[in-house]
Protein backbone atom coordinates (compact mmCIF):
# COMPACT_ATOMS: atom_id res chain seq x y z
CA MET A 1 -66.05 -83.32 93.53
CA LEU A 2 -65.44 -86.89 92.71
CA ASP A 3 -66.85 -88.38 95.79
CA VAL A 4 -70.26 -86.84 95.28
CA LEU A 5 -70.29 -87.05 91.82
CA SER A 6 -69.29 -90.79 91.76
CA GLU A 7 -72.09 -91.63 94.28
CA ASP A 8 -74.69 -89.62 92.39
CA LEU A 9 -73.85 -91.30 89.01
CA ASP A 10 -73.56 -94.70 90.82
CA VAL A 11 -69.79 -95.47 89.94
CA SER A 12 -66.82 -96.02 91.89
CA GLU A 13 -64.43 -92.86 92.76
CA GLY A 14 -61.64 -94.70 90.70
CA THR A 15 -64.15 -95.00 87.51
CA ALA A 16 -65.20 -91.55 88.07
CA GLY A 17 -61.61 -90.45 87.65
CA LEU A 18 -62.20 -91.07 83.93
CA LEU A 19 -64.13 -87.73 83.95
CA ILE A 20 -60.60 -86.09 84.66
CA ALA A 21 -58.33 -88.47 82.38
CA LEU A 22 -60.52 -88.58 79.46
CA PRO A 23 -60.57 -84.64 78.69
CA GLY A 24 -56.75 -84.80 79.13
CA LEU A 25 -56.55 -87.35 76.40
CA ALA A 26 -58.82 -85.71 74.34
CA ALA A 27 -56.91 -82.39 74.63
CA CYS A 28 -53.91 -84.20 73.57
CA VAL A 29 -55.56 -85.50 70.41
CA GLY A 30 -57.59 -82.23 70.00
CA ALA A 31 -54.65 -79.85 70.01
CA PRO A 32 -53.09 -81.14 66.63
CA VAL A 33 -56.31 -82.02 65.02
CA VAL A 34 -58.12 -78.95 65.48
CA THR A 35 -55.01 -77.06 64.34
CA VAL A 36 -55.06 -78.88 61.19
CA LEU A 37 -58.81 -79.03 60.33
CA ALA A 38 -59.05 -75.22 61.04
CA GLY A 39 -57.29 -74.72 57.74
CA ARG A 40 -57.68 -70.99 56.60
CA MET A 41 -60.51 -70.33 58.93
CA ASP A 42 -60.59 -67.02 60.57
CA ARG A 43 -58.92 -67.28 64.07
CA ARG A 44 -61.68 -65.16 65.62
CA ARG A 45 -64.44 -67.51 64.23
CA LEU A 46 -62.34 -70.37 65.39
CA LEU A 47 -61.93 -69.27 69.06
CA LEU A 48 -65.67 -68.52 69.16
CA LEU A 49 -66.57 -71.86 67.87
CA LEU A 50 -64.20 -73.54 70.49
CA CYS A 51 -65.41 -71.38 73.22
CA THR A 52 -69.20 -72.53 72.17
CA ALA A 53 -68.07 -76.18 72.33
CA VAL A 54 -66.70 -75.52 76.07
CA LEU A 55 -70.14 -73.98 76.94
CA LEU A 56 -72.19 -76.92 75.31
CA SER A 57 -70.10 -79.60 76.95
CA ASN A 58 -70.51 -78.15 80.27
CA VAL A 59 -74.36 -77.76 79.98
CA TRP A 60 -74.29 -81.43 78.58
CA VAL A 61 -72.50 -82.67 81.70
CA ALA A 62 -74.77 -80.61 83.96
CA LEU A 63 -77.90 -82.48 82.33
CA SER A 64 -76.30 -85.80 81.88
CA PRO A 65 -78.48 -88.77 83.32
CA SER A 66 -75.60 -91.27 83.41
CA PHE A 67 -71.94 -91.48 83.75
CA GLU A 68 -71.69 -92.61 80.17
CA VAL A 69 -73.25 -89.78 78.82
CA ALA A 70 -71.20 -87.36 81.09
CA LEU A 71 -68.18 -88.84 79.45
CA ILE A 72 -69.18 -87.63 75.90
CA GLY A 73 -69.45 -84.17 77.17
CA ARG A 74 -66.17 -84.24 78.93
CA ALA A 75 -64.39 -85.62 75.90
CA VAL A 76 -65.89 -82.73 73.92
CA LEU A 77 -64.61 -80.37 76.47
CA GLY A 78 -61.16 -81.82 76.15
CA ALA A 79 -60.92 -81.55 72.42
CA ALA A 80 -62.17 -77.99 72.72
CA VAL A 81 -59.72 -76.89 75.53
CA GLY A 82 -56.90 -78.62 73.68
CA GLY A 83 -57.80 -76.54 70.41
CA PHE A 84 -58.15 -73.32 72.56
CA TRP A 85 -54.97 -73.54 74.48
CA THR A 86 -53.27 -74.18 70.90
CA MET A 87 -54.54 -71.15 69.27
CA GLY A 88 -55.19 -68.64 72.15
CA PRO A 89 -51.48 -67.84 73.12
CA PRO A 90 -50.17 -67.36 69.50
CA THR A 91 -53.35 -65.46 68.58
CA ALA A 92 -52.83 -62.94 71.54
CA GLY A 93 -49.25 -62.59 70.22
CA ARG A 94 -50.65 -61.52 66.66
CA MET A 95 -52.85 -58.85 68.28
CA VAL A 96 -50.01 -56.67 69.54
CA LEU A 97 -46.55 -55.42 68.12
CA PRO A 98 -44.05 -58.28 68.01
CA GLU A 99 -41.94 -56.94 70.76
CA PHE A 100 -44.86 -57.34 73.02
CA SER A 101 -45.92 -60.81 72.00
CA THR A 102 -44.33 -62.63 74.82
CA ARG A 103 -46.22 -60.37 77.33
CA ALA A 104 -49.41 -60.93 75.42
CA THR A 105 -48.91 -64.65 75.49
CA SER A 106 -48.11 -64.51 79.40
CA LEU A 107 -51.52 -62.90 79.94
CA VAL A 108 -53.23 -65.90 78.29
CA VAL A 109 -51.18 -68.42 80.24
CA GLY A 110 -51.65 -66.12 83.38
CA GLY A 111 -55.41 -66.45 82.90
CA ILE A 112 -55.23 -70.33 82.84
CA ALA A 113 -53.18 -70.29 85.89
CA MET A 114 -55.58 -67.92 87.86
CA ALA A 115 -58.56 -70.28 86.71
CA THR A 116 -56.61 -73.15 88.06
CA VAL A 117 -56.07 -71.47 91.39
CA ALA A 118 -59.61 -70.35 91.82
CA SER A 119 -61.37 -73.55 90.46
CA LEU A 120 -60.72 -75.94 93.24
CA PRO A 121 -62.17 -73.79 96.08
CA VAL A 122 -65.06 -72.68 94.15
CA GLY A 123 -65.92 -76.23 93.27
CA ASN A 124 -65.71 -77.37 96.81
CA TRP A 125 -67.85 -74.37 97.94
CA ILE A 126 -70.45 -75.23 95.45
CA VAL A 127 -70.93 -78.81 96.53
CA SER A 128 -70.85 -77.92 100.15
CA PHE A 129 -74.36 -76.70 99.62
CA ALA A 130 -75.72 -77.53 96.34
CA ASN A 131 -75.60 -80.63 93.85
CA TRP A 132 -72.47 -81.11 92.01
CA ARG A 133 -74.31 -80.32 88.57
CA TRP A 134 -74.51 -76.55 89.56
CA ALA A 135 -70.73 -76.54 89.38
CA PHE A 136 -70.98 -77.30 85.77
CA VAL A 137 -73.70 -74.80 85.40
CA LEU A 138 -71.58 -72.03 86.81
CA THR A 139 -68.67 -73.15 84.53
CA ALA A 140 -70.99 -72.88 81.55
CA ALA A 141 -72.04 -69.44 82.74
CA PHE A 142 -68.38 -68.30 82.94
CA ALA A 143 -67.99 -69.77 79.24
CA LEU A 144 -70.84 -67.71 78.21
CA ILE A 145 -69.40 -64.66 79.53
CA ALA A 146 -65.99 -65.49 77.69
CA LEU A 147 -67.79 -66.18 74.48
CA LEU A 148 -69.72 -62.82 74.62
CA ALA A 149 -66.34 -61.10 75.47
CA GLU A 150 -64.70 -62.75 72.46
CA PHE A 151 -67.55 -61.64 70.21
CA VAL A 152 -67.33 -58.32 71.21
CA THR A 153 -63.69 -57.53 71.22
CA LEU A 154 -61.67 -59.88 69.10
CA PRO A 155 -60.86 -58.49 65.67
CA SER A 156 -61.04 -60.47 62.58
CA MET A 157 -57.58 -62.40 61.92
CA PRO A 158 -57.45 -64.09 58.60
CA THR A 159 -54.89 -67.15 58.41
CA LEU A 160 -52.74 -66.74 55.43
CA SER A 161 -50.72 -70.15 56.12
CA PRO A 162 -52.87 -73.10 57.23
CA VAL A 163 -51.15 -75.54 59.46
CA THR A 164 -50.47 -78.91 57.74
CA ILE A 165 -49.53 -82.31 58.94
CA ALA A 166 -46.06 -81.60 57.78
CA ASP A 167 -45.94 -78.38 59.95
CA LEU A 168 -46.70 -80.49 62.83
CA GLY A 169 -43.76 -82.93 61.95
CA GLN A 170 -41.48 -79.88 61.54
CA VAL A 171 -41.53 -79.78 65.49
CA PHE A 172 -39.59 -83.23 65.44
CA SER A 173 -37.38 -82.54 62.24
CA ASN A 174 -35.98 -79.55 64.01
CA PRO A 175 -33.00 -80.48 66.39
CA GLN A 176 -33.70 -77.58 68.58
CA SER A 177 -37.52 -78.34 68.73
CA ARG A 178 -36.72 -81.99 69.63
CA ARG A 179 -34.59 -80.65 72.55
CA CYS A 180 -37.51 -78.55 73.72
CA VAL A 181 -40.07 -81.43 73.45
CA ALA A 182 -37.63 -83.59 75.40
CA ILE A 183 -37.06 -81.01 78.18
CA THR A 184 -40.80 -80.46 78.22
CA CYS A 185 -41.63 -84.01 78.74
CA ALA A 186 -39.18 -84.32 81.62
CA VAL A 187 -40.33 -81.24 83.30
CA PHE A 188 -44.16 -81.90 83.17
CA THR A 189 -43.54 -85.59 83.99
CA ALA A 190 -41.40 -84.77 87.03
CA HIS A 191 -43.65 -81.97 88.17
CA PHE A 192 -46.90 -83.89 88.18
CA ALA A 193 -45.40 -86.85 89.52
CA THR A 194 -45.10 -84.77 92.67
CA TYR A 195 -47.75 -82.21 92.68
CA SER A 196 -50.54 -84.83 92.09
CA TYR A 197 -49.60 -86.28 95.59
CA ILE A 198 -48.97 -82.85 97.26
CA THR A 199 -51.74 -83.20 99.82
CA PRO A 200 -50.63 -86.56 101.20
CA TYR A 201 -47.02 -85.32 101.28
CA LEU A 202 -47.84 -82.03 103.29
CA ASN A 203 -49.99 -84.19 105.71
CA GLN A 204 -46.88 -86.54 106.07
CA SER A 205 -44.66 -83.38 106.66
CA GLY A 206 -46.73 -82.23 109.62
CA ILE A 207 -48.96 -79.53 108.00
CA SER A 208 -52.43 -79.73 109.18
CA ASP A 209 -55.50 -80.60 107.21
CA GLN A 210 -56.70 -77.03 107.85
CA ALA A 211 -53.52 -75.28 106.51
CA VAL A 212 -53.20 -77.26 103.42
CA PRO A 213 -55.77 -75.25 101.37
CA THR A 214 -53.92 -72.18 102.46
CA VAL A 215 -50.67 -73.54 101.40
CA LEU A 216 -51.80 -74.51 97.91
CA LEU A 217 -53.52 -71.44 97.50
CA GLY A 218 -50.35 -69.50 98.25
CA PHE A 219 -48.51 -72.03 95.72
CA GLY A 220 -50.94 -70.91 93.05
CA LEU A 221 -50.89 -67.17 93.87
CA VAL A 222 -47.09 -66.79 93.81
CA GLY A 223 -47.09 -68.74 90.47
CA VAL A 224 -49.67 -66.48 88.81
CA ALA A 225 -47.67 -63.37 89.90
CA SER A 226 -44.26 -64.71 88.68
CA ASN A 227 -45.97 -65.62 85.36
CA PHE A 228 -46.77 -62.07 84.70
CA VAL A 229 -43.30 -60.90 85.66
CA GLY A 230 -41.76 -63.72 83.45
CA GLY A 231 -43.65 -62.24 80.53
CA TRP A 232 -41.76 -59.01 80.73
CA ILE A 233 -38.13 -60.67 80.77
CA LEU A 234 -38.33 -63.91 78.90
CA ASP A 235 -37.67 -62.17 75.28
CA ARG A 236 -34.48 -60.94 76.55
CA ARG A 237 -33.14 -63.58 78.98
CA LEU A 238 -34.79 -66.90 78.06
CA ARG A 239 -31.83 -69.15 78.67
CA LEU A 240 -31.16 -67.55 81.97
CA VAL A 241 -34.89 -67.68 83.20
CA VAL A 242 -35.22 -71.51 82.02
CA SER A 243 -32.14 -72.41 83.63
CA VAL A 244 -32.82 -70.70 86.91
CA VAL A 245 -36.32 -71.75 87.34
CA MET A 246 -35.70 -75.52 86.46
CA LEU A 247 -32.87 -75.64 88.90
CA LEU A 248 -35.01 -73.86 91.69
CA VAL A 249 -37.86 -76.41 91.23
CA GLY A 250 -35.44 -79.26 91.20
CA GLY A 251 -33.75 -78.02 94.21
CA ALA A 252 -36.96 -77.40 96.05
CA LEU A 253 -38.17 -80.84 95.51
CA MET A 254 -35.16 -82.60 96.54
CA ALA A 255 -35.03 -80.51 99.69
CA LEU A 256 -38.49 -81.33 100.34
CA ALA A 257 -37.63 -84.94 100.04
CA LEU A 258 -35.52 -84.78 103.07
CA PRO A 259 -36.69 -86.45 106.40
CA SER A 260 -37.81 -83.55 108.43
CA ARG A 261 -37.68 -79.63 108.68
CA PRO A 262 -39.87 -76.99 110.51
CA ASP A 263 -43.20 -76.17 108.97
CA ALA A 264 -42.09 -72.64 108.02
CA VAL A 265 -39.29 -74.09 106.00
CA THR A 266 -41.81 -76.36 104.05
CA VAL A 267 -43.87 -73.28 103.37
CA LEU A 268 -40.86 -71.35 102.02
CA LEU A 269 -39.69 -74.50 99.82
CA MET A 270 -43.31 -74.64 98.40
CA ALA A 271 -43.35 -70.90 97.79
CA ALA A 272 -39.96 -71.29 95.92
CA TRP A 273 -41.45 -74.22 94.04
CA GLY A 274 -44.55 -72.27 92.96
CA ILE A 275 -42.95 -69.14 91.88
CA ALA A 276 -40.32 -70.93 89.67
CA TRP A 277 -43.24 -73.18 88.29
CA GLY A 278 -45.29 -70.16 87.47
CA VAL A 279 -42.69 -69.15 85.06
CA LEU A 280 -41.58 -72.55 83.68
CA PRO A 281 -44.61 -73.51 81.36
CA LEU A 282 -44.40 -69.95 79.61
CA SER A 283 -40.81 -70.20 79.33
CA LEU A 284 -41.06 -73.61 77.57
CA GLN A 285 -43.82 -72.24 75.26
CA VAL A 286 -41.59 -69.31 74.22
CA TRP A 287 -38.87 -71.80 73.41
CA ILE A 288 -41.04 -74.03 71.17
CA LEU A 289 -42.48 -71.01 69.41
CA ALA A 290 -38.99 -69.63 68.84
CA THR A 291 -37.71 -72.83 67.24
CA ALA A 292 -40.33 -73.15 64.67
CA PRO A 293 -41.12 -69.45 63.67
CA ARG A 294 -42.81 -70.42 60.38
CA ALA A 295 -45.19 -72.86 62.09
CA ARG A 296 -46.04 -71.20 65.29
CA ASP A 297 -49.51 -73.01 65.51
CA GLY A 298 -48.16 -76.27 64.61
CA GLY A 299 -45.58 -75.86 67.35
CA GLN A 300 -48.07 -74.83 69.82
CA ALA A 301 -50.33 -77.71 68.97
CA MET A 302 -47.50 -80.31 69.49
CA PHE A 303 -46.37 -78.43 72.80
CA VAL A 304 -50.07 -78.78 74.15
CA SER A 305 -50.22 -82.62 73.19
CA VAL A 306 -46.78 -83.24 74.84
CA LEU A 307 -47.81 -81.43 77.73
CA GLN A 308 -51.18 -83.21 78.36
CA LEU A 309 -49.47 -86.53 77.70
CA SER A 310 -46.50 -85.84 80.31
CA LEU A 311 -49.25 -84.64 82.70
CA ALA A 312 -50.96 -88.03 82.63
CA ALA A 313 -47.59 -90.03 82.71
CA GLY A 314 -46.25 -87.92 85.52
CA SER A 315 -49.41 -88.66 87.73
CA ALA A 316 -49.30 -92.43 86.76
CA VAL A 317 -45.46 -92.93 87.37
CA GLY A 318 -45.65 -90.69 90.68
CA GLY A 319 -48.55 -93.09 91.90
CA LEU A 320 -46.34 -96.28 91.24
CA ILE A 321 -43.43 -94.64 93.12
CA VAL A 322 -45.51 -93.45 95.99
CA ASP A 323 -47.06 -96.81 96.37
CA GLY A 324 -43.56 -98.41 96.14
CA PRO A 325 -40.45 -96.50 97.51
CA GLY A 326 -42.64 -93.78 99.25
CA ILE A 327 -43.45 -90.24 98.66
CA ARG A 328 -40.23 -88.86 99.58
CA ALA A 329 -38.54 -91.16 96.94
CA ASP A 330 -40.99 -89.47 94.53
CA PHE A 331 -40.02 -85.95 95.36
CA ALA A 332 -36.07 -86.88 95.40
CA LEU A 333 -36.46 -88.43 91.83
CA SER A 334 -38.43 -85.93 90.27
CA GLY A 335 -36.22 -83.17 91.84
CA ALA A 336 -33.11 -85.00 90.03
CA ILE A 337 -34.75 -85.03 86.96
CA LEU A 338 -35.51 -81.36 86.95
CA VAL A 339 -31.98 -80.51 87.90
CA ILE A 340 -30.62 -82.67 84.96
CA ALA A 341 -33.17 -81.08 82.68
CA GLY A 342 -32.17 -77.47 83.83
CA ALA A 343 -28.33 -78.32 83.07
CA ALA A 344 -29.26 -79.66 79.67
CA ALA A 345 -31.44 -76.67 78.76
CA THR A 346 -28.67 -74.12 79.84
CA VAL A 347 -26.53 -76.06 77.04
CA TRP A 348 -29.23 -76.26 74.36
CA LEU A 349 -30.58 -72.71 74.63
CA LYS A 350 -27.36 -71.12 73.85
CA GLY A 351 -27.96 -68.93 70.88
CA VAL A 352 -31.55 -69.27 70.63
CA GLN A 353 -33.34 -66.21 69.60
CA THR A 354 -36.91 -65.57 70.86
CA ARG A 355 -37.51 -62.95 68.15
CA SER A 356 -36.54 -63.06 64.75
CA PRO A 357 -37.49 -61.18 61.19
CA ALA A 358 -39.52 -64.37 60.66
CA ASP A 359 -41.04 -64.41 63.91
CA SER A 360 -41.97 -60.71 63.54
CA ALA A 361 -43.53 -61.29 60.02
CA VAL A 362 -45.73 -64.03 61.40
CA SER A 363 -46.80 -61.91 64.31
CA ALA A 364 -47.68 -59.12 61.92
CA ALA A 365 -49.61 -61.30 59.42
């Protein structure tokens, strides 16, 4: 919606892009800050407050008289979403028996993936017949539905061990955690260096403008499906799944970097990329939580921060490569990074346990 939004708020499209970048930066900061400030607050109350902030921020943007005012609402949104993504998955794991915690987490991550798939076509549909502000009104309505559902269904979940700054630092003091953080940086940077420019890539590859939305929708749908399937097997096969999906994404990107191929092959490679990517974020999330079982919220907070920073870095670096050597060089380099990361993860994940007595104790707390 940046084109119509920038025109209405009287700023350039490049400046309007701050409405996308600022929430990402706010989420990066908000994830650890909200986690520490929450202290011993009941997790039910915290999630309700964060969802309320999401609701109010969208109402704020819908009513904003200027670009600067809209930025404030977007910053609040980013901080709230960063906190929600940090607390949501571990909280889901606490609501079930330990052996089902990964599946519960996959449902939360799957919900995020489903929303990502649906949001772009819904936004485009709204601006095709109404002012862009109605898109934020609709988003606020969804936030209200989520808030009411949380209020009715979430049980009280007291926090026995509040997260401290030291808990956040534990992620970097643990060698296995540092390895997971390094892999996460590489994976998300490489992915968003390419996916941010997937539409021009598909156009250059001969896919028509009319077919691009269908290809991207298919990419998202197979990713959602694989996310739910991955939640059933990650507890038992984390090392295998992480290695396979990284190598699959890397191989698909390197194949897409080749000069030419039939359109059907391009679509199949996109599908392989989507299937593997649907499992990868959840796999890395399970890995980081397994490395810090006594500081799950702290580990999750740092995971979200690293993810957001890598997302922004990937888009920026990818843009430089696309403007320089070209879009195929961007895909080739990103694919190579993922293959190397997959090989490293295969070695580093040896012996990592996704469930332990300490982990079970936290899940039952």
